[in-house]
Amino acid sequence: MYCGRSSAEREQRRREVAKIPVHKAQVITYLKILNLPLGLLINFNTVLIKDGIQRILNIPKVKSVIPSRR
């Protein structure tokens, strides 16, 4: 049965669907709540596991402090 897409195109689409920004946002939320500096988002739906690992850093926003002039 021909569905119009090659297997490589289907595989690429499946990888794109697996990387939903909601998952990244969830990891960032956990990092902030637990006050952790680094998290890993792992997609197990890849041929090589190293291709599915994404490092996420919890970088706190720094408020700029302008010294007052006296």
PDB file of N, CA and C in Angstrom:
ATOM      1  N   MET A   1       0.831  -1.174   0.000  1.00  0.00           N
ATOM      2  CA  MET A   1       0.000   0.000   0.000  1.00  0.00           C
ATOM      3  C   MET A   1       0.881   1.244   0.000  1.00  0.00           C
ATOM      4  N   TYR A   2       0.637   2.134  -0.906  1.00  0.00           N
ATOM      5  CA  TYR A   2       1.424   3.356  -1.042  1.00  0.00           C
ATOM      6  C   TYR A   2       0.719   4.496  -0.322  1.00  0.00           C
ATOM      7  N   CYS A   3       1.442   5.148   0.615  1.00  0.00           N
ATOM      8  CA  CYS A   3       0.804   6.226   1.379  1.00  0.00           C
ATOM      9  C   CYS A   3       1.359   7.592   0.999  1.00  0.00           C
ATOM     10  N   GLY A   4       2.254   7.663   0.018  1.00  0.00           N
ATOM     11  CA  GLY A   4       2.740   8.955  -0.458  1.00  0.00           C
ATOM     12  C   GLY A   4       4.009   9.443   0.206  1.00  0.00           C
ATOM     13  N   ARG A   5       4.461   8.790   1.232  1.00  0.00           N
ATOM     14  CA  ARG A   5       5.686   9.216   1.920  1.00  0.00           C
ATOM     15  C   ARG A   5       6.663   8.062   1.993  1.00  0.00           C
ATOM     16  N   SER A   6       7.940   8.399   1.911  1.00  0.00           N
ATOM     17  CA  SER A   6       8.950   7.359   2.056  1.00  0.00           C
ATOM     18  C   SER A   6       9.133   7.046   3.536  1.00  0.00           C
ATOM     19  N   SER A   7       9.795   5.952   3.814  1.00  0.00           N
ATOM     20  CA  SER A   7      10.008   5.577   5.213  1.00  0.00           C
ATOM     21  C   SER A   7      10.892   6.595   5.929  1.00  0.00           C
ATOM     22  N   ALA A   8      11.820   7.221   5.217  1.00  0.00           N
ATOM     23  CA  ALA A   8      12.666   8.250   5.829  1.00  0.00           C
ATOM     24  C   ALA A   8      11.839   9.473   6.221  1.00  0.00           C
ATOM     25  N   GLU A   9      10.886   9.856   5.384  1.00  0.00           N
ATOM     26  CA  GLU A   9      10.013  10.985   5.702  1.00  0.00           C
ATOM     27  C   GLU A   9       9.124  10.669   6.896  1.00  0.00           C
ATOM     28  N   ARG A  10       8.613   9.440   6.960  1.00  0.00           N
ATOM     29  CA  ARG A  10       7.781   9.044   8.101  1.00  0.00           C
ATOM     30  C   ARG A  10       8.599   9.050   9.386  1.00  0.00           C
ATOM     31  N   GLU A  11       9.833   8.563   9.305  1.00  0.00           N
ATOM     32  CA  GLU A  11      10.711   8.540  10.485  1.00  0.00           C
ATOM     33  C   GLU A  11      11.015   9.953  10.953  1.00  0.00           C
ATOM     34  N   GLN A  12      11.282  10.855  10.026  1.00  0.00           N
ATOM     35  CA  GLN A  12      11.563  12.249  10.374  1.00  0.00           C
ATOM     36  C   GLN A  12      10.347  12.876  11.043  1.00  0.00           C
ATOM     37  N   ARG A  13       9.176  12.620  10.519  1.00  0.00           N
ATOM     38  CA  ARG A  13       7.944  13.171  11.100  1.00  0.00           C
ATOM     39  C   ARG A  13       7.729  12.640  12.517  1.00  0.00           C
ATOM     40  N   ARG A  14       8.012  11.367  12.708  1.00  0.00           N
ATOM     41  CA  ARG A  14       7.830  10.770  14.031  1.00  0.00           C
ATOM     42  C   ARG A  14       8.784  11.399  15.036  1.00  0.00           C
ATOM     43  N   ARG A  15      10.014  11.708  14.611  1.00  0.00           N
ATOM     44  CA  ARG A  15      10.965  12.368  15.505  1.00  0.00           C
ATOM     45  C   ARG A  15      10.499  13.770  15.861  1.00  0.00           C
ATOM     46  N   GLU A  16       9.937  14.482  14.880  1.00  0.00           N
ATOM     47  CA  GLU A  16       9.453  15.835  15.139  1.00  0.00           C
ATOM     48  C   GLU A  16       8.293  15.821  16.126  1.00  0.00           C
ATOM     49  N   VAL A  17       7.402  14.848  15.990  1.00  0.00           N
ATOM     50  CA  VAL A  17       6.262  14.750  16.884  1.00  0.00           C
ATOM     51  C   VAL A  17       6.728  14.422  18.293  1.00  0.00           C
ATOM     52  N   ALA A  18       7.784  13.627  18.403  1.00  0.00           N
ATOM     53  CA  ALA A  18       8.277  13.225  19.716  1.00  0.00           C
ATOM     54  C   ALA A  18       8.891  14.386  20.482  1.00  0.00           C
ATOM     55  N   LYS A  19       9.347  15.441  19.810  1.00  0.00           N
ATOM     56  CA  LYS A  19       9.973  16.578  20.471  1.00  0.00           C
ATOM     57  C   LYS A  19       8.947  17.699  20.658  1.00  0.00           C
ATOM     58  N   ILE A  20       8.068  17.510  21.586  1.00  0.00           N
ATOM     59  CA  ILE A  20       7.039  18.500  21.852  1.00  0.00           C
ATOM     60  C   ILE A  20       7.580  19.490  22.873  1.00  0.00           C
ATOM     61  N   PRO A  21       7.412  20.800  22.639  1.00  0.00           N
ATOM     62  CA  PRO A  21       7.936  21.805  23.571  1.00  0.00           C
ATOM     63  C   PRO A  21       7.377  21.686  24.985  1.00  0.00           C
ATOM     64  N   VAL A  22       6.226  21.026  25.135  1.00  0.00           N
ATOM     65  CA  VAL A  22       5.647  20.854  26.465  1.00  0.00           C
ATOM     66  C   VAL A  22       6.586  20.051  27.355  1.00  0.00           C
ATOM     67  N   HIS A  23       7.249  19.062  26.802  1.00  0.00           N
ATOM     68  CA  HIS A  23       8.163  18.239  27.587  1.00  0.00           C
ATOM     69  C   HIS A  23       9.350  19.066  28.077  1.00  0.00           C
ATOM     70  N   LYS A  24       9.872  19.928  27.215  1.00  0.00           N
ATOM     71  CA  LYS A  24      10.991  20.786  27.614  1.00  0.00           C
ATOM     72  C   LYS A  24      10.542  21.743  28.712  1.00  0.00           C
ATOM     73  N   ALA A  25       9.362  22.305  28.566  1.00  0.00           N
ATOM     74  CA  ALA A  25       8.837  23.221  29.573  1.00  0.00           C
ATOM     75  C   ALA A  25       8.642  22.509  30.910  1.00  0.00           C
ATOM     76  N   GLN A  26       8.229  21.261  30.861  1.00  0.00           N
ATOM     77  CA  GLN A  26       8.029  20.498  32.085  1.00  0.00           C
ATOM     78  C   GLN A  26       9.358  20.259  32.795  1.00  0.00           C
ATOM     79  N   VAL A  27      10.409  19.931  32.053  1.00  0.00           N
ATOM     80  CA  VAL A  27      11.735  19.732  32.658  1.00  0.00           C
ATOM     81  C   VAL A  27      12.225  21.035  33.278  1.00  0.00           C
ATOM     82  N   ILE A  28      12.042  22.147  32.580  1.00  0.00           N
ATOM     83  CA  ILE A  28      12.470  23.451  33.112  1.00  0.00           C
ATOM     84  C   ILE A  28      11.718  23.767  34.402  1.00  0.00           C
ATOM     85  N   THR A  29      10.438  23.466  34.448  1.00  0.00           N
ATOM     86  CA  THR A  29       9.645  23.702  35.659  1.00  0.00           C
ATOM     87  C   THR A  29      10.173  22.882  36.823  1.00  0.00           C
ATOM     88  N   TYR A  30      10.456  21.606  36.598  1.00  0.00           N
ATOM     89  CA  TYR A  30      11.000  20.761  37.657  1.00  0.00           C
ATOM     90  C   TYR A  30      12.358  21.274  38.131  1.00  0.00           C
ATOM     91  N   LEU A  31      13.188  21.725  37.198  1.00  0.00           N
ATOM     92  CA  LEU A  31      14.500  22.255  37.577  1.00  0.00           C
ATOM     93  C   LEU A  31      14.349  23.483  38.471  1.00  0.00           C
ATOM     94  N   LYS A  32      13.412  24.349  38.140  1.00  0.00           N
ATOM     95  CA  LYS A  32      13.191  25.552  38.947  1.00  0.00           C
ATOM     96  C   LYS A  32      12.653  25.208  40.327  1.00  0.00           C
ATOM     97  N   ILE A  33      11.675  24.307  40.388  1.00  0.00           N
ATOM     98  CA  ILE A  33      11.069  23.933  41.671  1.00  0.00           C
ATOM     99  C   ILE A  33      12.091  23.265  42.586  1.00  0.00           C
ATOM    100  N   LEU A  34      12.893  22.370  42.027  1.00  0.00           N
ATOM    101  CA  LEU A  34      13.871  21.627  42.820  1.00  0.00           C
ATOM    102  C   LEU A  34      15.205  22.351  42.946  1.00  0.00           C
ATOM    103  N   ASN A  35      15.319  23.516  42.298  1.00  0.00           N
ATOM    104  CA  ASN A  35      16.540  24.324  42.328  1.00  0.00           C
ATOM    105  C   ASN A  35      17.758  23.512  41.867  1.00  0.00           C
ATOM    106  N   LEU A  36      17.596  22.836  40.735  1.00  0.00           N
ATOM    107  CA  LEU A  36      18.674  22.042  40.150  1.00  0.00           C
ATOM    108  C   LEU A  36      19.256  22.776  38.947  1.00  0.00           C
ATOM    109  N   PRO A  37      20.567  22.661  38.717  1.00  0.00           N
ATOM    110  CA  PRO A  37      21.198  23.400  37.625  1.00  0.00           C
ATOM    111  C   PRO A  37      21.069  22.745  36.250  1.00  0.00           C
ATOM    112  N   LEU A  38      20.903  21.417  36.202  1.00  0.00           N
ATOM    113  CA  LEU A  38      20.950  20.705  34.927  1.00  0.00           C
ATOM    114  C   LEU A  38      19.915  19.600  34.891  1.00  0.00           C
ATOM    115  N   GLY A  39      19.269  19.446  33.735  1.00  0.00           N
ATOM    116  CA  GLY A  39      18.325  18.359  33.538  1.00  0.00           C
ATOM    117  C   GLY A  39      18.543  17.737  32.171  1.00  0.00           C
ATOM    118  N   LEU A  40      18.059  16.516  32.011  1.00  0.00           N
ATOM    119  CA  LEU A  40      18.168  15.811  30.736  1.00  0.00           C
ATOM    120  C   LEU A  40      16.777  15.464  30.235  1.00  0.00           C
ATOM    121  N   LEU A  41      16.535  15.766  28.970  1.00  0.00           N
ATOM    122  CA  LEU A  41      15.304  15.360  28.298  1.00  0.00           C
ATOM    123  C   LEU A  41      15.707  14.246  27.341  1.00  0.00           C
ATOM    124  N   ILE A  42      15.188  13.051  27.571  1.00  0.00           N
ATOM    125  CA  ILE A  42      15.610  11.880  26.799  1.00  0.00           C
ATOM    126  C   ILE A  42      14.449  11.365  25.955  1.00  0.00           C
ATOM    127  N   ASN A  43      14.698  11.257  24.652  1.00  0.00           N
ATOM    128  CA  ASN A  43      13.740  10.681  23.719  1.00  0.00           C
ATOM    129  C   ASN A  43      14.221   9.267  23.399  1.00  0.00           C
ATOM    130  N   PHE A  44      13.483   8.285  23.872  1.00  0.00           N
ATOM    131  CA  PHE A  44      13.869   6.893  23.651  1.00  0.00           C
ATOM    132  C   PHE A  44      13.431   6.373  22.283  1.00  0.00           C
ATOM    133  N   ASN A  45      12.756   7.202  21.512  1.00  0.00           N
ATOM    134  CA  ASN A  45      12.260   6.780  20.204  1.00  0.00           C
ATOM    135  C   ASN A  45      13.242   7.176  19.098  1.00  0.00           C
ATOM    136  N   THR A  46      14.524   6.899  19.311  1.00  0.00           N
ATOM    137  CA  THR A  46      15.549   7.180  18.312  1.00  0.00           C
ATOM    138  C   THR A  46      16.384   5.927  18.083  1.00  0.00           C
ATOM    139  N   VAL A  47      17.039   5.889  16.945  1.00  0.00           N
ATOM    140  CA  VAL A  47      17.882   4.739  16.626  1.00  0.00           C
ATOM    141  C   VAL A  47      19.081   4.707  17.571  1.00  0.00           C
ATOM    142  N   LEU A  48      19.749   5.849  17.723  1.00  0.00           N
ATOM    143  CA  LEU A  48      20.857   5.971  18.661  1.00  0.00           C
ATOM    144  C   LEU A  48      20.404   6.825  19.839  1.00  0.00           C
ATOM    145  N   ILE A  49      20.596   6.317  21.046  1.00  0.00           N
ATOM    146  CA  ILE A  49      20.115   7.031  22.225  1.00  0.00           C
ATOM    147  C   ILE A  49      20.799   8.384  22.381  1.00  0.00           C
ATOM    148  N   LYS A  50      22.049   8.497  21.907  1.00  0.00           N
ATOM    149  CA  LYS A  50      22.753   9.774  22.027  1.00  0.00           C
ATOM    150  C   LYS A  50      22.091  10.869  21.190  1.00  0.00           C
ATOM    151  N   ASP A  51      21.349  10.489  20.159  1.00  0.00           N
ATOM    152  CA  ASP A  51      20.631  11.472  19.345  1.00  0.00           C
ATOM    153  C   ASP A  51      19.370  11.977  20.042  1.00  0.00           C
ATOM    154  N   GLY A  52      18.910  11.255  21.051  1.00  0.00           N
ATOM    155  CA  GLY A  52      17.683  11.626  21.738  1.00  0.00           C
ATOM    156  C   GLY A  52      17.906  12.326  23.064  1.00  0.00           C
ATOM    157  N   ILE A  53      19.142  12.642  23.415  1.00  0.00           N
ATOM    158  CA  ILE A  53      19.442  13.288  24.693  1.00  0.00           C
ATOM    159  C   ILE A  53      19.621  14.780  24.482  1.00  0.00           C
ATOM    160  N   GLN A  54      18.923  15.560  25.296  1.00  0.00           N
ATOM    161  CA  GLN A  54      19.018  17.014  25.216  1.00  0.00           C
ATOM    162  C   GLN A  54      19.268  17.548  26.625  1.00  0.00           C
ATOM    163  N   ARG A  55      20.357  18.321  26.784  1.00  0.00           N
ATOM    164  CA  ARG A  55      20.674  18.945  28.069  1.00  0.00           C
ATOM    165  C   ARG A  55      19.869  20.233  28.207  1.00  0.00           C
ATOM    166  N   ILE A  56      19.315  20.421  29.388  1.00  0.00           N
ATOM    167  CA  ILE A  56      18.555  21.639  29.655  1.00  0.00           C
ATOM    168  C   ILE A  56      19.134  22.270  30.912  1.00  0.00           C
ATOM    169  N   LEU A  57      19.543  23.530  30.793  1.00  0.00           N
ATOM    170  CA  LEU A  57      20.132  24.250  31.911  1.00  0.00           C
ATOM    171  C   LEU A  57      19.100  25.133  32.584  1.00  0.00           C
ATOM    172  N   ASN A  58      19.200  25.198  33.901  1.00  0.00           N
ATOM    173  CA  ASN A  58      18.358  26.089  34.690  1.00  0.00           C
ATOM    174  C   ASN A  58      19.201  27.318  35.018  1.00  0.00           C
ATOM    175  N   ILE A  59      19.072  28.325  34.186  1.00  0.00           N
ATOM    176  CA  ILE A  59      19.840  29.550  34.375  1.00  0.00           C
ATOM    177  C   ILE A  59      18.909  30.587  34.992  1.00  0.00           C
ATOM    178  N   PRO A  60      19.161  30.942  36.258  1.00  0.00           N
ATOM    179  CA  PRO A  60      18.282  31.930  36.889  1.00  0.00           C
ATOM    180  C   PRO A  60      18.437  33.301  36.249  1.00  0.00           C
ATOM    181  N   LYS A  61      17.321  34.004  36.157  1.00  0.00           N
ATOM    182  CA  LYS A  61      17.359  35.344  35.595  1.00  0.00           C
ATOM    183  C   LYS A  61      17.936  36.287  36.641  1.00  0.00           C
ATOM    184  N   VAL A  62      18.914  37.063  36.225  1.00  0.00           N
ATOM    185  CA  VAL A  62      19.579  37.992  37.134  1.00  0.00           C
ATOM    186  C   VAL A  62      19.006  39.382  36.894  1.00  0.00           C
ATOM    187  N   LYS A  63      18.560  40.004  37.985  1.00  0.00           N
ATOM    188  CA  LYS A  63      18.064  41.369  37.875  1.00  0.00           C
ATOM    189  C   LYS A  63      19.264  42.298  37.853  1.00  0.00           C
ATOM    190  N   SER A  64      19.256  43.205  36.918  1.00  0.00           N
ATOM    191  CA  SER A  64      20.371  44.144  36.841  1.00  0.00           C
ATOM    192  C   SER A  64      20.225  45.170  37.962  1.00  0.00           C
ATOM    193  N   VAL A  65      21.285  45.337  38.679  1.00  0.00           N
ATOM    194  CA  VAL A  65      21.295  46.274  39.795  1.00  0.00           C
ATOM    195  C   VAL A  65      22.145  47.465  39.385  1.00  0.00           C
ATOM    196  N   ILE A  66      21.511  48.611  39.351  1.00  0.00           N
ATOM    197  CA  ILE A  66      22.226  49.837  38.999  1.00  0.00           C
ATOM    198  C   ILE A  66      22.558  50.544  40.289  1.00  0.00           C
ATOM    199  N   PRO A  67      23.840  50.753  40.549  1.00  0.00           N
ATOM    200  CA  PRO A  67      24.198  51.428  41.808  1.00  0.00           C
ATOM    201  C   PRO A  67      23.667  52.862  41.812  1.00  0.00           C
ATOM    202  N   SER A  68      23.180  53.247  42.971  1.00  0.00           N
ATOM    203  CA  SER A  68      22.651  54.609  43.072  1.00  0.00           C
ATOM    204  C   SER A  68      23.806  55.593  43.248  1.00  0.00           C
ATOM    205  N   ARG A  69      23.663  56.734  42.620  1.00  0.00           N
ATOM    206  CA  ARG A  69      24.693  57.777  42.722  1.00  0.00           C
ATOM    207  C   ARG A  69      24.311  58.706  43.850  1.00  0.00           C
ATOM    208  N   ARG A  70      25.271  59.010  44.670  1.00  0.00           N
ATOM    209  CA  ARG A  70      25.011  59.929  45.791  1.00  0.00           C
ATOM    210  C   ARG A  70      25.849  61.151  45.686  1.00  0.00           C
TER     211      ARG A  70
END
